[in-house]
């Protein structure tokens, strides 16, 4: 990478600090700033700019969650890699909720840490770009597509005999893409947690329809990523409080295709790509982007479409401050059964809607 990577290392263990500084500075060429307490580390982030933070959790003066929340309060886009000496699933859950990017454990694997740092730096850049949605968004999106293609190919070629490493890398990629999708969703105060709720509704419907655990998991992943393509849509359009013009509506209709193109290079998401592309197709053929109809639309996409529509009706939007009450939204689904929605999906929805 041509840009010097700036790392903030927060650690109160002298031996670990010495090892990491030597490896990260001498072998990897990173700029590393060191702080020996959680409080001083948080203060350092307040006065300096860093691409990523490696923090020992916990520290003597602050517990794990205090460190992460303190850093995130200063920089919501801060990429935090936690060094955890003893793995505790409950504590890891708290740390992910607080906002860590990933974690490492002893014995320290510098190559894995370097991989996480460089992917985290890219995530940090993307998150900032998503918040600002600068004029160079299109170029950054194209760069992401090319980069994902190269990295996916590199993973495919290098993991024939490294199954465990492949799974680690696969999960890292997925977290990166999902974090990007969440950053895009966070641009609009009306759509925060939208994908999470759509995922919950779609999983309940799919389970009611007897889909397998694997099929439901694919639908969940597609739900989390279904609006990824909105990275290419202007904030002025996404947040417009009044009716869209025809050209603006045509821009909105591009987001399933944009999302699918971003995901296509990632081989392990091949089952998700078509669901993302088709999630706005209507059962009667009046949807977009391809005008598919009936059984020509993947069942998972038909399920996501209904769950997405229901969640949108039940939530406030820029163009509609007052959401539908549940009864009105359910009635709207019934009215559009056989037109916008697959009747079989509607039937399953009606059986589980009280669990939403």
Foldseek 3Di string as FASTA:
>chain_A
DPDAAEEEEEAQDVVVVVVVCCCCCVVVVHHYDYDNALVVSLVVVLVDDGLAYEYEAPHPVGHRLCSLLSNCVNPVLHAYEYEYADDDPVVVVSNVVSPHLYYDYPPDDVVVVVVLSVLSSLLSVLLVCLLVVDPCLVVNLVVLLVVLLVVLVVLVVPCPPPVVVSVVVLVSVLSSLLSSLQSNQVNFPQRHCLLVQLLVLLLQLCVLVPDDPVVSVLLSSLSSQLQVLCSPQDPCLQLPQADDDPVSVVRVLCSLVSSLSSCVSNVVNPSNSLLSNLLQAFQAQPTDDPSDHNVSRPPSSLSSNLSSQLSVQQTAGSNGRHHDDNVVSLVVLVVCDVTRHDVSSNVSSVVCVVVD
